[in-house]
Amino acid sequence: IVTFVDVPGFLPGVNQEHGGIIRHGSKLLFAYAEATVPKLTVITRKAYGGAYDVMSSKHLRGDSNYAWPTAQIAVMGAKGATEILHRGASDIDAKQAEYEEVFCNPLPAARRGFVDDVIQPSETRRILIEDLELLKDKELENPWRKHSNIAL
């Protein structure tokens, strides 16, 4: 499974909840968690919050996770984060610019091991082919259980 990620998060709200965002998100989470085939992920732009975790992250046994230099991996976007962290501050724009400089790039995630490497977009095809070659004989078994427990 090759996943290209550009997901600004799950949109919270009553309409989305009635539309089944939690149910559909849990099905996607279950599918990635139970997959035993090679899982490669490339984060191209935004990867925020729980939506990032669901999209074949390292937390779901992703084999290789890469990010382009334009990737932003965080709990939420810079605007929302600075509004929460610096509520009532007079220089909110300066704080947002500082937050973007420090956190709105893939390097903090790479330092923590959530991303294997930061790659140039032009290198993506070659790297994915090499990884697929390396993982072609991958064998992974999930623990035995009589029935899986998909969230419906």
N, C-alpha and C. Protein backbone atom coordinates (compact mmCIF):
# COMPACT_ATOMS: atom_id res chain seq x y z
N ILE A 1 0.86 -1.17 0.00
CA ILE A 1 0.00 0.00 0.00
C ILE A 1 0.90 1.22 0.00
N VAL A 2 0.75 2.07 -0.99
CA VAL A 2 1.50 3.33 -1.05
C VAL A 2 0.50 4.45 -0.80
N THR A 3 0.77 5.24 0.23
CA THR A 3 -0.15 6.30 0.64
C THR A 3 0.53 7.65 0.52
N PHE A 4 -0.09 8.56 -0.21
CA PHE A 4 0.37 9.94 -0.27
C PHE A 4 -0.55 10.76 0.62
N VAL A 5 0.03 11.44 1.61
CA VAL A 5 -0.76 12.09 2.65
C VAL A 5 -0.77 13.60 2.46
N ASP A 6 -1.95 14.16 2.41
CA ASP A 6 -2.19 15.60 2.50
C ASP A 6 -3.55 15.74 3.17
N VAL A 7 -3.54 15.68 4.48
CA VAL A 7 -4.79 15.66 5.23
C VAL A 7 -4.73 16.69 6.36
N PRO A 8 -5.56 17.73 6.29
CA PRO A 8 -5.54 18.76 7.32
C PRO A 8 -6.29 18.37 8.59
N GLY A 9 -6.59 17.10 8.76
CA GLY A 9 -7.27 16.64 9.98
C GLY A 9 -8.72 16.33 9.72
N PHE A 10 -9.35 15.76 10.73
CA PHE A 10 -10.78 15.50 10.67
C PHE A 10 -11.50 16.78 11.06
N LEU A 11 -12.44 17.20 10.24
CA LEU A 11 -13.20 18.40 10.52
C LEU A 11 -14.21 18.12 11.62
N PRO A 12 -14.06 18.77 12.77
CA PRO A 12 -15.01 18.50 13.86
C PRO A 12 -16.32 19.22 13.64
N GLY A 13 -17.39 18.62 14.08
CA GLY A 13 -18.69 19.27 13.98
C GLY A 13 -19.81 18.26 14.01
N VAL A 14 -21.00 18.76 14.32
CA VAL A 14 -22.17 17.90 14.43
C VAL A 14 -22.52 17.27 13.09
N ASN A 15 -22.44 18.04 12.01
CA ASN A 15 -22.78 17.50 10.69
C ASN A 15 -21.86 16.35 10.30
N GLN A 16 -20.57 16.50 10.60
CA GLN A 16 -19.62 15.45 10.28
C GLN A 16 -19.87 14.21 11.13
N GLU A 17 -20.22 14.42 12.39
CA GLU A 17 -20.52 13.29 13.26
C GLU A 17 -21.76 12.54 12.78
N HIS A 18 -22.78 13.29 12.37
CA HIS A 18 -23.99 12.64 11.84
C HIS A 18 -23.70 11.95 10.50
N GLY A 19 -22.73 12.48 9.75
CA GLY A 19 -22.34 11.88 8.48
C GLY A 19 -21.48 10.63 8.65
N GLY A 20 -21.05 10.36 9.86
CA GLY A 20 -20.32 9.13 10.14
C GLY A 20 -18.81 9.24 10.05
N ILE A 21 -18.26 10.43 10.31
CA ILE A 21 -16.81 10.58 10.18
C ILE A 21 -16.05 9.67 11.14
N ILE A 22 -16.57 9.48 12.33
CA ILE A 22 -15.90 8.62 13.30
C ILE A 22 -15.97 7.17 12.83
N ARG A 23 -17.13 6.75 12.35
CA ARG A 23 -17.29 5.38 11.87
C ARG A 23 -16.39 5.12 10.66
N HIS A 24 -16.39 6.02 9.69
CA HIS A 24 -15.58 5.83 8.49
C HIS A 24 -14.09 5.94 8.80
N GLY A 25 -13.73 6.86 9.68
CA GLY A 25 -12.34 6.98 10.09
C GLY A 25 -11.84 5.73 10.81
N SER A 26 -12.70 5.14 11.62
CA SER A 26 -12.30 3.92 12.34
C SER A 26 -12.14 2.74 11.38
N LYS A 27 -12.94 2.70 10.31
CA LYS A 27 -12.77 1.64 9.31
C LYS A 27 -11.42 1.78 8.60
N LEU A 28 -11.05 3.00 8.28
CA LEU A 28 -9.76 3.24 7.64
C LEU A 28 -8.62 2.86 8.59
N LEU A 29 -8.75 3.25 9.84
CA LEU A 29 -7.76 2.90 10.86
C LEU A 29 -7.62 1.39 10.98
N PHE A 30 -8.73 0.69 11.02
CA PHE A 30 -8.72 -0.76 11.12
C PHE A 30 -8.03 -1.39 9.91
N ALA A 31 -8.33 -0.90 8.72
CA ALA A 31 -7.75 -1.47 7.50
C ALA A 31 -6.23 -1.32 7.48
N TYR A 32 -5.73 -0.14 7.82
CA TYR A 32 -4.28 0.06 7.85
C TYR A 32 -3.63 -0.76 8.97
N ALA A 33 -4.27 -0.85 10.12
CA ALA A 33 -3.69 -1.57 11.25
C ALA A 33 -3.62 -3.07 10.98
N GLU A 34 -4.58 -3.62 10.27
CA GLU A 34 -4.63 -5.06 10.02
C GLU A 34 -3.86 -5.48 8.77
N ALA A 35 -3.49 -4.54 7.92
CA ALA A 35 -2.79 -4.88 6.68
C ALA A 35 -1.43 -5.48 6.98
N THR A 36 -1.11 -6.56 6.30
CA THR A 36 0.18 -7.23 6.49
C THR A 36 1.08 -7.08 5.27
N VAL A 37 0.66 -6.33 4.29
CA VAL A 37 1.46 -6.07 3.10
C VAL A 37 2.39 -4.87 3.38
N PRO A 38 3.38 -4.64 2.51
CA PRO A 38 4.23 -3.46 2.72
C PRO A 38 3.41 -2.17 2.70
N LYS A 39 3.72 -1.28 3.64
CA LYS A 39 3.01 0.00 3.73
C LYS A 39 4.03 1.12 3.66
N LEU A 40 3.94 1.91 2.59
CA LEU A 40 4.84 3.04 2.38
C LEU A 40 4.01 4.32 2.40
N THR A 41 4.54 5.34 3.04
CA THR A 41 3.81 6.59 3.18
C THR A 41 4.70 7.76 2.78
N VAL A 42 4.13 8.69 2.02
CA VAL A 42 4.82 9.93 1.67
C VAL A 42 3.92 11.08 2.08
N ILE A 43 4.41 11.91 2.98
CA ILE A 43 3.64 13.08 3.42
C ILE A 43 4.05 14.23 2.52
N THR A 44 3.10 14.71 1.73
CA THR A 44 3.40 15.73 0.73
C THR A 44 3.18 17.14 1.25
N ARG A 45 2.18 17.31 2.13
CA ARG A 45 1.87 18.66 2.60
C ARG A 45 1.43 18.59 4.05
N LYS A 46 0.16 18.60 4.32
CA LYS A 46 -0.32 18.63 5.69
C LYS A 46 -0.64 17.24 6.21
N ALA A 47 -0.26 17.01 7.46
CA ALA A 47 -0.59 15.76 8.16
C ALA A 47 -0.87 16.15 9.60
N TYR A 48 -2.14 16.44 9.87
CA TYR A 48 -2.52 16.98 11.18
C TYR A 48 -3.37 16.00 11.97
N GLY A 49 -3.09 15.95 13.25
CA GLY A 49 -3.94 15.28 14.22
C GLY A 49 -4.16 13.81 13.98
N GLY A 50 -5.35 13.35 14.39
CA GLY A 50 -5.71 11.95 14.28
C GLY A 50 -5.77 11.48 12.84
N ALA A 51 -6.07 12.37 11.92
CA ALA A 51 -6.13 11.99 10.51
C ALA A 51 -4.75 11.55 10.03
N TYR A 52 -3.70 12.18 10.54
CA TYR A 52 -2.34 11.77 10.20
C TYR A 52 -2.07 10.36 10.72
N ASP A 53 -2.45 10.09 11.94
CA ASP A 53 -2.21 8.76 12.52
C ASP A 53 -2.90 7.67 11.72
N VAL A 54 -4.10 7.94 11.25
CA VAL A 54 -4.89 6.95 10.51
C VAL A 54 -4.29 6.64 9.15
N MET A 55 -3.54 7.57 8.57
CA MET A 55 -3.04 7.41 7.20
C MET A 55 -1.69 6.68 7.15
N SER A 56 -1.65 5.48 7.70
CA SER A 56 -0.48 4.60 7.63
C SER A 56 0.79 5.22 8.23
N SER A 57 0.65 5.82 9.39
CA SER A 57 1.81 6.41 10.06
C SER A 57 2.66 5.31 10.70
N LYS A 58 3.79 5.69 11.25
CA LYS A 58 4.65 4.73 11.95
C LYS A 58 3.90 4.10 13.12
N HIS A 59 2.95 4.82 13.67
CA HIS A 59 2.17 4.33 14.80
C HIS A 59 1.30 3.14 14.41
N LEU A 60 1.04 2.97 13.12
CA LEU A 60 0.24 1.85 12.61
C LEU A 60 1.10 0.83 11.87
N ARG A 61 2.32 0.68 12.26
CA ARG A 61 3.25 -0.28 11.68
C ARG A 61 3.57 0.01 10.21
N GLY A 62 3.61 1.28 9.85
CA GLY A 62 4.03 1.62 8.50
C GLY A 62 5.49 1.24 8.32
N ASP A 63 5.83 0.65 7.20
CA ASP A 63 7.20 0.19 6.99
C ASP A 63 8.16 1.34 6.71
N SER A 64 7.79 2.22 5.81
CA SER A 64 8.63 3.37 5.48
C SER A 64 7.75 4.61 5.40
N ASN A 65 8.17 5.63 6.10
CA ASN A 65 7.45 6.90 6.08
C ASN A 65 8.42 7.99 5.66
N TYR A 66 8.05 8.72 4.62
CA TYR A 66 8.87 9.80 4.10
C TYR A 66 8.06 11.08 4.11
N ALA A 67 8.78 12.20 4.08
CA ALA A 67 8.12 13.49 4.00
C ALA A 67 8.86 14.35 2.99
N TRP A 68 8.10 15.11 2.24
CA TRP A 68 8.70 16.10 1.36
C TRP A 68 9.07 17.32 2.21
N PRO A 69 9.96 18.17 1.74
CA PRO A 69 10.35 19.35 2.52
C PRO A 69 9.17 20.29 2.82
N THR A 70 8.10 20.19 2.04
CA THR A 70 6.93 21.05 2.25
C THR A 70 5.97 20.49 3.29
N ALA A 71 6.26 19.32 3.84
CA ALA A 71 5.34 18.65 4.77
C ALA A 71 5.25 19.39 6.10
N GLN A 72 4.06 19.33 6.67
CA GLN A 72 3.79 19.88 8.00
C GLN A 72 3.13 18.78 8.81
N ILE A 73 3.81 18.30 9.84
CA ILE A 73 3.30 17.21 10.66
C ILE A 73 3.10 17.75 12.07
N ALA A 74 1.85 17.84 12.49
CA ALA A 74 1.57 18.44 13.79
C ALA A 74 0.18 18.02 14.27
N VAL A 75 -0.13 18.41 15.47
CA VAL A 75 -1.45 18.14 16.02
C VAL A 75 -2.50 18.98 15.31
N MET A 76 -2.15 20.21 15.00
CA MET A 76 -3.06 21.13 14.30
C MET A 76 -2.24 22.18 13.57
N GLY A 77 -2.91 22.99 12.76
CA GLY A 77 -2.25 24.04 12.01
C GLY A 77 -1.72 25.14 12.91
N ALA A 78 -0.82 25.94 12.34
CA ALA A 78 -0.16 27.00 13.11
C ALA A 78 -1.14 28.04 13.65
N LYS A 79 -2.11 28.42 12.85
CA LYS A 79 -3.06 29.45 13.28
C LYS A 79 -3.86 28.99 14.49
N GLY A 80 -4.42 27.81 14.41
CA GLY A 80 -5.19 27.29 15.54
C GLY A 80 -4.34 27.06 16.77
N ALA A 81 -3.13 26.56 16.58
CA ALA A 81 -2.25 26.28 17.72
C ALA A 81 -1.85 27.56 18.43
N THR A 82 -1.49 28.59 17.67
CA THR A 82 -1.07 29.84 18.32
C THR A 82 -2.24 30.55 18.98
N GLU A 83 -3.43 30.41 18.42
CA GLU A 83 -4.60 31.02 19.07
C GLU A 83 -4.88 30.36 20.41
N ILE A 84 -4.58 29.08 20.54
CA ILE A 84 -4.78 28.39 21.81
C ILE A 84 -3.62 28.66 22.77
N LEU A 85 -2.41 28.54 22.27
CA LEU A 85 -1.23 28.70 23.13
C LEU A 85 -1.04 30.12 23.63
N HIS A 86 -1.39 31.10 22.80
CA HIS A 86 -1.13 32.51 23.14
C HIS A 86 -2.43 33.32 23.13
N ARG A 87 -3.46 32.74 23.72
CA ARG A 87 -4.76 33.40 23.77
C ARG A 87 -4.64 34.76 24.45
N GLY A 88 -5.12 35.77 23.77
CA GLY A 88 -5.11 37.13 24.32
C GLY A 88 -3.81 37.88 24.11
N ALA A 89 -2.83 37.29 23.48
CA ALA A 89 -1.57 37.98 23.24
C ALA A 89 -1.75 39.05 22.18
N SER A 90 -1.06 40.16 22.35
CA SER A 90 -1.21 41.27 21.40
C SER A 90 -0.42 41.02 20.10
N ASP A 91 0.62 40.23 20.17
CA ASP A 91 1.46 39.97 19.00
C ASP A 91 1.23 38.56 18.45
N ILE A 92 -0.03 38.22 18.24
CA ILE A 92 -0.38 36.87 17.81
C ILE A 92 0.21 36.53 16.44
N ASP A 93 0.32 37.52 15.55
CA ASP A 93 0.89 37.26 14.22
C ASP A 93 2.37 36.89 14.32
N ALA A 94 3.10 37.56 15.20
CA ALA A 94 4.52 37.25 15.40
C ALA A 94 4.67 35.86 16.01
N LYS A 95 3.79 35.52 16.95
CA LYS A 95 3.83 34.20 17.57
C LYS A 95 3.52 33.11 16.54
N GLN A 96 2.57 33.40 15.65
CA GLN A 96 2.22 32.43 14.61
C GLN A 96 3.39 32.23 13.65
N ALA A 97 4.06 33.31 13.29
CA ALA A 97 5.23 33.21 12.40
C ALA A 97 6.34 32.39 13.07
N GLU A 98 6.54 32.61 14.37
CA GLU A 98 7.55 31.85 15.11
C GLU A 98 7.18 30.36 15.16
N TYR A 99 5.91 30.08 15.41
CA TYR A 99 5.44 28.69 15.46
C TYR A 99 5.64 28.01 14.11
N GLU A 100 5.30 28.71 13.02
CA GLU A 100 5.46 28.15 11.68
C GLU A 100 6.91 27.84 11.37
N GLU A 101 7.82 28.73 11.79
CA GLU A 101 9.24 28.52 11.53
C GLU A 101 9.77 27.29 12.27
N VAL A 102 9.31 27.09 13.50
CA VAL A 102 9.82 26.00 14.31
C VAL A 102 9.15 24.67 13.99
N PHE A 103 7.81 24.67 13.83
CA PHE A 103 7.07 23.41 13.76
C PHE A 103 6.49 23.05 12.40
N CYS A 104 6.36 23.99 11.49
CA CYS A 104 5.70 23.70 10.22
C CYS A 104 6.69 23.22 9.16
N ASN A 105 7.42 22.20 9.52
CA ASN A 105 8.33 21.53 8.61
C ASN A 105 8.47 20.09 9.11
N PRO A 106 9.01 19.21 8.31
CA PRO A 106 9.07 17.80 8.71
C PRO A 106 10.20 17.44 9.67
N LEU A 107 11.08 18.36 9.97
CA LEU A 107 12.26 18.03 10.77
C LEU A 107 11.95 17.61 12.21
N PRO A 108 11.04 18.29 12.92
CA PRO A 108 10.74 17.81 14.28
C PRO A 108 10.21 16.37 14.30
N ALA A 109 9.39 16.00 13.34
CA ALA A 109 8.87 14.63 13.27
C ALA A 109 9.99 13.65 12.91
N ALA A 110 10.90 14.07 12.04
CA ALA A 110 12.01 13.19 11.66
C ALA A 110 12.94 12.96 12.85
N ARG A 111 13.18 14.01 13.64
CA ARG A 111 14.03 13.85 14.83
C ARG A 111 13.44 12.87 15.83
N ARG A 112 12.12 12.80 15.88
CA ARG A 112 11.44 11.91 16.82
C ARG A 112 11.22 10.51 16.25
N GLY A 113 11.60 10.29 15.01
CA GLY A 113 11.48 8.97 14.40
C GLY A 113 10.13 8.69 13.77
N PHE A 114 9.27 9.68 13.63
CA PHE A 114 7.97 9.48 13.00
C PHE A 114 8.09 9.45 11.48
N VAL A 115 9.19 9.97 10.96
CA VAL A 115 9.47 9.99 9.52
C VAL A 115 10.88 9.42 9.33
N ASP A 116 11.04 8.52 8.39
CA ASP A 116 12.34 7.91 8.15
C ASP A 116 13.32 8.87 7.48
N ASP A 117 12.81 9.69 6.56
CA ASP A 117 13.69 10.60 5.84
C ASP A 117 12.86 11.71 5.21
N VAL A 118 13.51 12.84 5.02
CA VAL A 118 12.91 13.95 4.28
C VAL A 118 13.52 13.86 2.89
N ILE A 119 12.66 13.67 1.89
CA ILE A 119 13.14 13.44 0.52
C ILE A 119 12.61 14.51 -0.43
N GLN A 120 13.33 14.71 -1.51
CA GLN A 120 12.88 15.63 -2.54
C GLN A 120 11.80 14.94 -3.38
N PRO A 121 10.80 15.69 -3.84
CA PRO A 121 9.75 15.09 -4.66
C PRO A 121 10.30 14.34 -5.88
N SER A 122 11.37 14.84 -6.46
CA SER A 122 11.94 14.19 -7.64
C SER A 122 12.56 12.83 -7.33
N GLU A 123 12.86 12.55 -6.07
CA GLU A 123 13.44 11.27 -5.66
C GLU A 123 12.39 10.24 -5.24
N THR A 124 11.15 10.64 -5.15
CA THR A 124 10.10 9.82 -4.56
C THR A 124 9.94 8.48 -5.28
N ARG A 125 9.80 8.50 -6.59
CA ARG A 125 9.57 7.26 -7.35
C ARG A 125 10.71 6.26 -7.13
N ARG A 126 11.94 6.72 -7.24
CA ARG A 126 13.09 5.84 -7.07
C ARG A 126 13.12 5.23 -5.67
N ILE A 127 12.89 6.02 -4.66
CA ILE A 127 12.94 5.54 -3.28
C ILE A 127 11.81 4.55 -3.01
N LEU A 128 10.62 4.83 -3.50
CA LEU A 128 9.50 3.91 -3.28
C LEU A 128 9.75 2.57 -4.00
N ILE A 129 10.31 2.62 -5.19
CA ILE A 129 10.62 1.38 -5.92
C ILE A 129 11.65 0.57 -5.15
N GLU A 130 12.68 1.23 -4.63
CA GLU A 130 13.71 0.53 -3.85
C GLU A 130 13.09 -0.12 -2.61
N ASP A 131 12.21 0.61 -1.93
CA ASP A 131 11.57 0.07 -0.73
C ASP A 131 10.65 -1.10 -1.06
N LEU A 132 9.91 -1.00 -2.16
CA LEU A 132 9.04 -2.10 -2.55
C LEU A 132 9.86 -3.35 -2.90
N GLU A 133 11.00 -3.16 -3.54
CA GLU A 133 11.90 -4.28 -3.82
C GLU A 133 12.38 -4.92 -2.52
N LEU A 134 12.76 -4.09 -1.58
CA LEU A 134 13.26 -4.57 -0.30
C LEU A 134 12.19 -5.33 0.48
N LEU A 135 10.94 -4.87 0.37
CA LEU A 135 9.84 -5.41 1.17
C LEU A 135 9.01 -6.46 0.42
N LYS A 136 9.42 -6.87 -0.77
CA LYS A 136 8.58 -7.77 -1.57
C LYS A 136 8.34 -9.11 -0.89
N ASP A 137 9.26 -9.55 -0.05
CA ASP A 137 9.10 -10.82 0.64
C ASP A 137 8.68 -10.64 2.10
N LYS A 138 8.14 -9.51 2.41
CA LYS A 138 7.74 -9.22 3.79
C LYS A 138 6.71 -10.24 4.27
N GLU A 139 6.93 -10.74 5.46
CA GLU A 139 5.97 -11.65 6.08
C GLU A 139 5.65 -11.10 7.46
N LEU A 140 4.41 -10.82 7.67
CA LEU A 140 3.96 -10.29 8.95
C LEU A 140 2.66 -10.98 9.29
N GLU A 141 2.59 -11.51 10.47
CA GLU A 141 1.37 -12.17 10.90
C GLU A 141 0.78 -11.39 12.06
N ASN A 142 -0.50 -11.16 11.97
CA ASN A 142 -1.21 -10.56 13.09
C ASN A 142 -1.49 -11.64 14.13
N PRO A 143 -1.65 -11.26 15.37
CA PRO A 143 -1.97 -12.26 16.40
C PRO A 143 -3.26 -13.00 16.03
N TRP A 144 -3.30 -14.31 16.32
CA TRP A 144 -4.47 -15.08 16.00
C TRP A 144 -5.64 -14.65 16.86
N ARG A 145 -6.79 -14.57 16.23
CA ARG A 145 -8.05 -14.36 16.95
C ARG A 145 -9.16 -14.93 16.10
N LYS A 146 -10.18 -15.37 16.75
CA LYS A 146 -11.27 -16.01 16.03
C LYS A 146 -11.98 -15.03 15.10
N HIS A 147 -12.23 -13.83 15.59
CA HIS A 147 -12.90 -12.79 14.79
C HIS A 147 -12.18 -11.48 14.97
N SER A 148 -12.07 -10.70 13.90
CA SER A 148 -11.53 -9.35 14.05
C SER A 148 -12.60 -8.48 14.68
N ASN A 149 -12.21 -7.33 15.12
CA ASN A 149 -13.13 -6.46 15.85
C ASN A 149 -13.18 -5.10 15.20
N ILE A 150 -13.75 -5.03 13.99
CA ILE A 150 -13.86 -3.76 13.28
C ILE A 150 -14.92 -2.90 13.95
N ALA A 151 -14.60 -1.63 14.05
CA ALA A 151 -15.55 -0.68 14.65
C ALA A 151 -16.59 -0.30 13.62
N LEU A 152 -17.84 -0.57 13.88
CA LEU A 152 -18.90 -0.20 12.97
C LEU A 152 -19.78 0.84 13.63
